[in-house]
Protein backbone atom coordinates (compact mmCIF):
# COMPACT_ATOMS: atom_id res chain seq x y z
CA MET A 1 0.00 0.00 0.00
CA LYS A 2 1.19 3.50 -0.82
CA VAL A 3 -0.26 6.69 0.67
CA LEU A 4 0.46 10.41 0.36
CA PHE A 5 0.11 13.11 3.04
CA THR A 6 -0.27 16.70 1.80
CA PHE A 7 0.10 20.03 3.61
CA PHE A 8 0.97 23.64 2.82
CA VAL A 9 4.49 24.01 4.25
CA PRO A 10 6.90 21.86 6.31
CA SER A 11 6.81 23.54 9.71
CA GLY A 12 5.35 23.13 13.16
CA GLY A 13 3.30 20.24 14.49
CA VAL A 14 2.14 18.91 11.13
CA ASP A 15 5.74 18.59 9.96
CA THR A 16 6.56 16.69 13.17
CA LEU A 17 3.55 14.43 12.73
CA ASN A 18 4.38 13.67 9.09
CA ARG A 19 7.95 12.68 9.90
CA LEU A 20 6.86 10.43 12.75
CA ARG A 21 3.99 8.71 11.01
CA THR A 22 5.72 8.05 7.71
CA ALA A 23 8.50 6.28 9.63
CA VAL A 24 6.20 4.12 11.74
CA LEU A 25 3.87 3.31 8.85
CA LYS A 26 6.87 2.03 6.90
CA ARG A 27 7.58 -0.41 9.73
CA HIS A 28 3.97 -1.57 9.44
CA GLY A 29 4.13 -2.23 5.71
CA ILE A 30 2.71 1.05 4.40
CA GLU A 31 4.83 3.21 2.10
CA ALA A 32 4.07 6.85 2.91
CA HIS A 33 5.20 9.99 1.07
CA VAL A 34 4.71 13.67 1.89
CA LEU A 35 3.84 16.56 -0.45
CA TYR A 36 4.24 20.18 0.62
CA LEU A 37 3.04 22.98 -1.64
CA TYR A 38 5.86 25.29 -0.59
CA PRO A 39 9.33 24.89 0.98
CA GLY A 40 9.85 25.66 4.65
CA SER A 41 12.20 25.32 7.58
CA GLY A 42 11.08 21.75 8.33
CA LEU A 43 12.87 20.45 5.25
CA GLN A 44 16.06 20.49 7.32
CA ASN A 45 14.58 17.72 9.49
CA GLY A 46 15.00 14.91 6.95
CA THR A 47 14.29 11.31 7.92
CA GLY A 48 14.71 9.43 4.66
CA THR A 49 11.00 9.58 3.84
CA PRO A 50 10.25 10.77 0.27
CA VAL A 51 9.23 14.43 0.64
CA PHE A 52 8.14 16.42 -2.40
CA THR A 53 7.65 20.16 -2.83
CA ALA A 54 5.32 21.08 -5.68
CA SER A 55 2.56 23.62 -6.19
CA SER A 56 1.68 23.52 -9.89
CA ASP A 57 -0.97 21.20 -11.30
CA ALA A 58 1.55 19.75 -13.77
CA GLU A 59 4.00 18.81 -10.99
CA ILE A 60 1.31 17.30 -8.79
CA LYS A 61 -0.20 15.33 -11.68
CA GLU A 62 3.21 13.91 -12.52
CA LEU A 63 3.62 12.81 -8.91
CA LEU A 64 0.19 11.14 -8.90
CA THR A 65 0.86 9.38 -12.19
CA GLN A 66 4.26 8.13 -11.10
CA HIS A 67 3.27 6.73 -7.70
CA GLN A 68 -0.39 5.65 -8.06
CA TYR A 69 -1.29 6.25 -4.42
CA ASP A 70 -4.00 4.10 -2.86
CA ALA A 71 -5.08 6.96 -0.61
CA ILE A 72 -4.24 10.62 -0.07
CA ILE A 73 -4.59 12.29 3.31
CA VAL A 74 -5.09 16.04 2.82
CA THR A 75 -4.24 18.04 5.94
CA SER A 76 -6.30 21.23 6.46
CA ASP A 77 -6.24 22.33 2.78
CA ILE A 78 -9.88 22.47 1.70
CA SER A 79 -9.08 23.19 -1.95
CA MET A 80 -6.70 20.24 -2.42
CA PRO A 81 -9.33 17.44 -2.70
CA GLY A 82 -10.93 19.22 -5.67
CA ARG A 83 -7.54 19.77 -7.29
CA LEU A 84 -6.70 16.10 -6.93
CA ARG A 85 -9.99 14.98 -8.51
CA GLY A 86 -9.52 17.53 -11.29
CA LEU A 87 -6.10 16.02 -12.00
CA GLY A 88 -7.67 12.61 -12.45
CA TYR A 89 -7.02 11.02 -9.07
CA ASP A 90 -9.77 8.47 -8.31
CA GLY A 91 -8.46 6.84 -5.13
CA ARG A 92 -9.58 7.51 -1.57
CA ILE A 93 -9.21 11.09 -0.28
CA ILE A 94 -9.28 11.63 3.48
CA PHE A 95 -9.48 15.16 4.90
CA GLU A 96 -7.42 15.60 8.06
CA ALA A 97 -8.15 18.40 10.54
CA GLN A 98 -4.94 19.61 12.14
CA GLY A 99 -3.75 23.10 13.02
CA LEU A 100 -7.01 24.92 12.24
CA GLY A 101 -6.34 27.72 14.74
CA THR A 102 -8.88 29.25 17.09
CA ARG A 103 -12.41 27.93 17.52
CA ASP A 104 -13.78 30.62 15.18
CA GLN A 105 -11.09 29.90 12.60
CA ALA A 106 -11.73 26.16 12.79
CA LEU A 107 -15.49 26.69 12.47
CA GLU A 108 -15.02 28.94 9.44
CA THR A 109 -12.68 26.44 7.76
CA ILE A 110 -14.99 23.47 8.28
CA GLN A 111 -18.05 25.40 7.11
CA MET A 112 -16.18 26.51 3.98
CA ALA A 113 -15.02 22.92 3.44
CA VAL A 114 -18.51 21.38 3.39
CA PRO A 115 -19.08 21.39 -0.40
CA TYR A 116 -15.55 20.08 -0.98
CA LEU A 117 -15.96 17.35 1.63
CA GLN A 118 -19.28 16.29 0.11
CA ALA A 119 -18.03 16.27 -3.46
CA TYR A 120 -14.52 14.91 -3.18
CA CYS A 121 -13.72 13.24 0.19
CA ASP A 122 -14.39 9.73 1.46
CA ALA A 123 -13.76 10.43 5.15
CA ALA A 124 -12.26 12.77 7.72
CA VAL A 125 -9.64 11.99 10.35
CA ILE A 126 -9.20 14.13 13.44
CA PRO A 127 -7.27 13.95 16.72
CA PRO A 128 -9.32 13.38 19.90
CA THR A 129 -9.97 17.10 20.32
CA ASP A 130 -13.40 18.04 21.64
CA HIS A 131 -14.09 21.18 19.59
CA LEU A 132 -13.08 19.55 16.28
CA LEU A 133 -15.13 16.42 16.94
CA GLU A 134 -18.20 18.47 17.88
CA MET A 135 -17.91 20.59 14.74
CA PHE A 136 -17.61 17.60 12.41
CA ILE A 137 -20.55 15.85 14.06
CA HIS A 138 -22.83 18.87 13.73
CA ILE A 139 -21.64 20.32 10.43
CA CYS A 140 -20.83 17.13 8.52
CA PRO A 141 -22.96 14.36 10.10
CA TRP A 142 -22.95 12.44 6.80
CA LEU A 143 -19.14 12.20 6.62
CA HIS A 144 -17.36 9.06 7.81
CA ARG A 145 -15.14 10.14 10.75
CA PHE A 146 -12.06 8.51 12.25
CA VAL A 147 -10.54 9.71 15.52
CA ILE A 148 -6.85 8.82 15.77
CA PRO A 149 -4.60 10.18 18.55
CA ASN A 150 -1.35 11.68 17.35
CA MET A 151 1.92 10.02 18.29
CA LEU A 152 5.13 11.05 19.96
CA ASP A 153 8.71 9.80 19.70
CA THR A 154 9.27 9.37 23.42
CA GLN A 155 12.65 7.71 22.88
CA THR A 156 14.12 10.77 21.16
CA PHE A 157 12.16 13.18 23.34
CA SER A 158 13.42 12.08 26.72
CA PRO A 159 15.38 13.75 29.53
CA LEU A 160 19.05 14.31 28.64
CA LYS A 161 22.16 15.12 30.62
CA VAL A 162 22.89 18.73 29.69
CA ASP A 163 24.81 21.81 30.72
CA VAL A 164 22.51 23.64 33.13
CA PRO A 165 21.85 27.34 32.46
CA PRO A 166 22.79 29.64 35.38
CA TYR A 167 19.21 30.96 35.54
CA PRO A 168 15.67 29.51 35.45
CA VAL A 169 14.32 29.46 31.90
CA ILE A 170 10.79 30.45 30.83
CA ALA A 171 10.53 28.74 27.43
CA TRP A 172 7.95 29.32 24.70
CA VAL A 173 7.58 27.64 21.29
CA GLY A 174 5.31 28.91 18.52
CA ARG A 175 4.64 31.48 15.83
CA LEU A 176 4.10 35.20 16.11
CA GLU A 177 0.41 35.08 15.29
CA HIS A 178 -2.92 35.50 17.06
CA ASN A 179 -3.69 31.91 18.05
CA LYS A 180 -0.33 31.36 19.74
CA ASN A 181 -1.10 34.39 21.96
CA TRP A 182 2.54 35.45 22.29
CA GLN A 183 1.60 38.78 23.95
CA GLU A 184 0.43 36.84 27.00
CA TYR A 185 3.79 35.07 27.13
CA LEU A 186 5.53 38.42 27.39
CA ASN A 187 3.08 39.71 30.00
CA ILE A 188 3.39 36.63 32.21
CA SER A 189 7.16 36.34 31.81
CA SER A 190 7.66 40.01 32.62
CA GLU A 191 5.88 39.58 35.95
CA ILE A 192 7.72 36.32 36.74
CA ILE A 193 11.03 38.09 36.13
CA ARG A 194 9.91 40.94 38.40
CA GLN A 195 9.40 38.43 41.20
CA ILE A 196 12.33 36.16 40.27
CA PRO A 197 14.92 38.56 38.83
CA SER A 198 17.32 35.77 37.84
CA ALA A 199 14.80 34.22 35.40
CA ARG A 200 15.29 34.55 31.66
CA MET A 201 13.08 33.92 28.61
CA TRP A 202 13.85 31.54 25.74
CA MET A 203 11.64 31.92 22.67
CA PHE A 204 11.68 29.42 19.80
CA HIS A 205 9.94 30.45 16.58
CA ASP A 206 10.06 30.49 12.79
CA PRO A 207 10.14 34.10 11.55
CA THR A 208 9.16 33.05 8.03
CA LEU A 209 5.71 32.13 9.40
CA ALA A 210 5.26 35.25 11.54
CA ASN A 211 2.48 37.70 10.84
CA PRO A 212 4.33 40.93 9.85
CA GLU A 213 2.13 43.04 12.12
CA ASP A 214 2.80 40.72 15.05
CA ASP A 215 6.53 40.86 14.36
CA VAL A 216 6.53 44.66 14.63
CA LEU A 217 4.36 44.63 17.76
CA PHE A 218 6.57 41.96 19.34
CA LYS A 219 9.69 44.13 19.04
CA HIS A 220 7.78 47.12 20.39
CA MET A 221 6.50 45.17 23.42
CA LEU A 222 9.97 43.81 24.22
CA ALA A 223 11.34 47.35 24.34
CA GLU A 224 8.35 48.70 26.24
CA LYS A 225 8.65 46.06 28.96
CA GLY A 226 12.44 46.28 29.14
CA LEU A 227 12.85 42.61 28.21
CA GLU A 228 15.34 42.99 25.37
CA ASP A 229 18.26 41.84 27.54
CA ARG A 230 16.17 39.16 29.28
CA ILE A 231 15.26 37.06 26.23
CA GLY A 232 17.08 34.60 24.03
CA ILE A 233 15.43 34.17 20.62
CA PHE A 234 16.12 30.87 18.84
CA VAL A 235 15.22 30.78 15.15
CA ASN A 236 14.48 27.57 13.20
CA VAL A 237 16.18 25.21 15.64
CA PRO A 238 16.38 21.71 14.09
CA HIS A 239 13.74 19.47 15.61
CA SER A 240 16.39 16.95 16.68
CA GLN A 241 17.97 19.58 18.97
CA MET A 242 14.81 20.43 20.89
CA PRO A 243 15.20 17.63 23.49
CA THR A 244 18.42 19.35 24.57
CA PHE A 245 16.67 22.69 25.04
CA TYR A 246 13.69 21.14 26.86
CA SER A 247 16.08 19.26 29.16
CA MET A 248 18.08 22.45 29.81
CA THR A 249 14.87 24.28 30.69
CA ALA A 250 13.88 21.49 33.08
CA GLU A 251 17.25 21.29 34.80
CA SER A 252 17.44 25.09 35.14
CA GLY A 253 14.46 25.05 37.48
CA GLY A 254 12.35 26.72 34.83
CA LEU A 255 9.34 25.69 32.81
CA MET A 256 7.70 25.79 29.42
CA LEU A 257 4.83 28.26 29.09
CA SER A 258 2.14 27.59 26.47
CA THR A 259 -0.27 30.49 25.89
CA SER A 260 -2.21 29.21 22.86
CA ILE A 261 -5.87 30.06 22.45
CA LEU A 262 -6.60 26.66 20.92
CA GLU A 263 -4.55 23.62 19.89
CA GLY A 264 -5.57 20.56 17.91
CA PHE A 265 -2.84 18.60 19.69
CA GLY A 266 0.08 20.76 20.84
CA TYR A 267 3.25 18.97 19.81
CA ALA A 268 5.68 21.36 21.49
CA VAL A 269 3.90 20.92 24.83
CA ALA A 270 3.80 17.13 24.48
CA GLU A 271 7.48 16.96 23.56
CA ALA A 272 8.50 19.17 26.48
CA ILE A 273 6.58 16.99 28.95
CA SER A 274 8.16 13.89 27.44
CA CYS A 275 11.59 15.43 28.14
CA GLY A 276 10.71 15.97 31.78
CA CYS A 277 10.17 19.69 31.32
CA PRO A 278 7.28 20.97 33.47
CA VAL A 279 4.62 22.87 31.55
CA LEU A 280 2.15 25.61 32.43
CA SER A 281 -0.51 25.91 29.72
CA THR A 282 -3.81 27.45 28.83
CA ASP A 283 -6.62 24.91 28.59
CA SER A 284 -6.35 24.95 24.80
CA ASP A 285 -8.39 21.76 24.25
CA GLY A 286 -5.89 19.52 22.43
CA VAL A 287 -3.46 19.51 25.37
CA ARG A 288 -6.12 17.97 27.63
CA SER A 289 -5.05 14.56 26.34
CA PHE A 290 -1.73 14.86 28.19
CA ILE A 291 -2.12 17.56 30.87
CA THR A 292 -3.96 16.92 34.11
CA HIS A 293 -3.67 19.88 36.46
CA ASN A 294 -1.06 19.34 39.18
CA LYS A 295 -0.45 15.76 38.00
CA THR A 296 1.24 15.94 34.59
CA GLY A 297 1.37 19.73 34.21
CA LYS A 298 -0.51 22.87 35.17
CA PHE A 299 -3.33 24.86 33.60
CA TYR A 300 -4.19 28.53 33.97
CA PRO A 301 -7.27 30.38 32.64
CA ILE A 302 -6.37 32.23 29.46
CA GLY A 303 -6.09 35.97 30.02
CA HIS A 304 -5.54 35.61 33.78
CA VAL A 305 -1.96 36.81 34.03
CA ASN A 306 -1.83 36.97 37.83
CA THR A 307 -3.08 33.39 38.16
CA ALA A 308 -0.55 32.24 35.56
CA VAL A 309 2.29 33.92 37.43
CA SER A 310 1.21 32.31 40.70
CA GLU A 311 1.01 28.86 39.08
CA ALA A 312 4.37 29.34 37.35
CA ILE A 313 6.16 30.31 40.56
CA ASP A 314 4.56 27.34 42.34
CA LEU A 315 5.82 25.06 39.57
CA MET A 316 9.31 26.56 39.82
CA GLN A 317 9.67 26.68 43.62
CA ASN A 318 7.49 23.87 45.01
CA THR A 319 10.17 21.20 44.60
CA LYS A 320 8.09 18.21 45.65
CA LEU A 321 5.19 19.08 43.32
CA ARG A 322 7.56 19.95 40.48
CA GLU A 323 9.34 16.59 40.58
CA ARG A 324 6.07 14.68 40.85
CA ILE A 325 4.69 16.49 37.79
CA ARG A 326 7.89 15.84 35.83
CA THR A 327 7.83 12.12 36.62
CA GLN A 328 4.12 11.58 36.05
CA GLY A 329 4.16 13.62 32.85
CA ARG A 330 6.97 11.60 31.36
CA GLN A 331 5.28 8.31 32.31
CA HIS A 332 1.97 9.38 30.77
CA MET A 333 3.55 10.36 27.45
CA SER A 334 5.46 7.08 27.21
CA ILE A 335 2.35 5.00 27.77
CA SER A 336 -0.30 6.94 25.87
CA PHE A 337 1.25 8.13 22.59
CA SER A 338 2.97 5.09 21.13
CA PRO A 339 3.71 5.33 17.37
CA ASP A 340 2.69 1.70 16.98
CA ARG A 341 -0.78 2.50 18.33
CA TYR A 342 -1.10 5.17 15.64
CA ALA A 343 -0.06 2.72 12.93
CA THR A 344 -2.62 0.16 14.11
CA SER A 345 -5.40 2.77 14.05
CA PHE A 346 -4.31 3.96 10.61
CA ARG A 347 -4.43 0.42 9.22
CA GLU A 348 -7.91 -0.02 10.72
CA MET A 349 -9.02 3.18 8.96
CA MET A 350 -7.67 1.93 5.64
CA THR A 351 -9.49 -1.39 6.09
CA ALA A 352 -12.75 0.38 6.96
CA LEU A 353 -12.42 2.36 3.72
CA ARG A 354 -11.83 -0.90 1.80
CA ILE A 355 -8.22 -0.14 1.05
CA PHE A 356 -6.66 -3.55 1.48
CA PHE A 357 -3.06 -4.68 1.73
């Protein structure tokens, strides 16, 4: 069996997911390729999986003709199923909902997708995320749905022996755009630093995906809050190096702060927890599958800066609670997000759609 996963650009959680699942599916007898419409920073994270970059109809048609895929999984791109049918592809097309942004953005995307889903798709696959499942049930009750939890490479993302920074780190991973809510990261971190002057901020992001207006506002806020000499900005760090940074954050006595409005899954948060890095997060839906408050991480109500600061300082200074959260978080990730479980669920989906080996 041969399948193709498509997405806009290799970056963020979808890029991580594609690299992980193509590798595990290969071990389970499924040849999986990836097509991105445009190049991006994730191309540096090669794994040996065939990855194509093509945006023209002629290039995509040539790819389809050459490989004769049994199924194509289209991630978040509502126009792609129609393009594929127009190019003569007659195999199974599965729409995958990942990275759809805020609740309003996700609702708008799914509503816009309805005619395309009806005309061109055989099914939808979504992570076990409440708001996405509810939307597909109510908006597309006729569409065959599969709920498959994402996976995590808990062997690579594990605690490492590292050089410990001489200050507690407040880490953040994301894009400078509305849904990632980076302004709240600055507001919370500024107050933590006021109370713990030795603390420093580490920010990991991809500037090529930043909203230009957010980029300008970000620089203005840094200067306004006097944080320019309190922040380290890491640009396009290879994915393979992130376990080192998560482990350094953990050993520094710091934490990862996730301020997202909504997440379909939240790969950066999951990977940090798997590395033993304690996390304070908004209740952004997707992260509920691996954060239980004061057991595997901490939640704070979005917009409540004072509460977030209090929870962060508790996580940094309450040694007994901190170590319990680190241990239980790591254990939960190792048990619950096995790549082999994903592969088994994927094979079951293919069988249900009458795509046989």
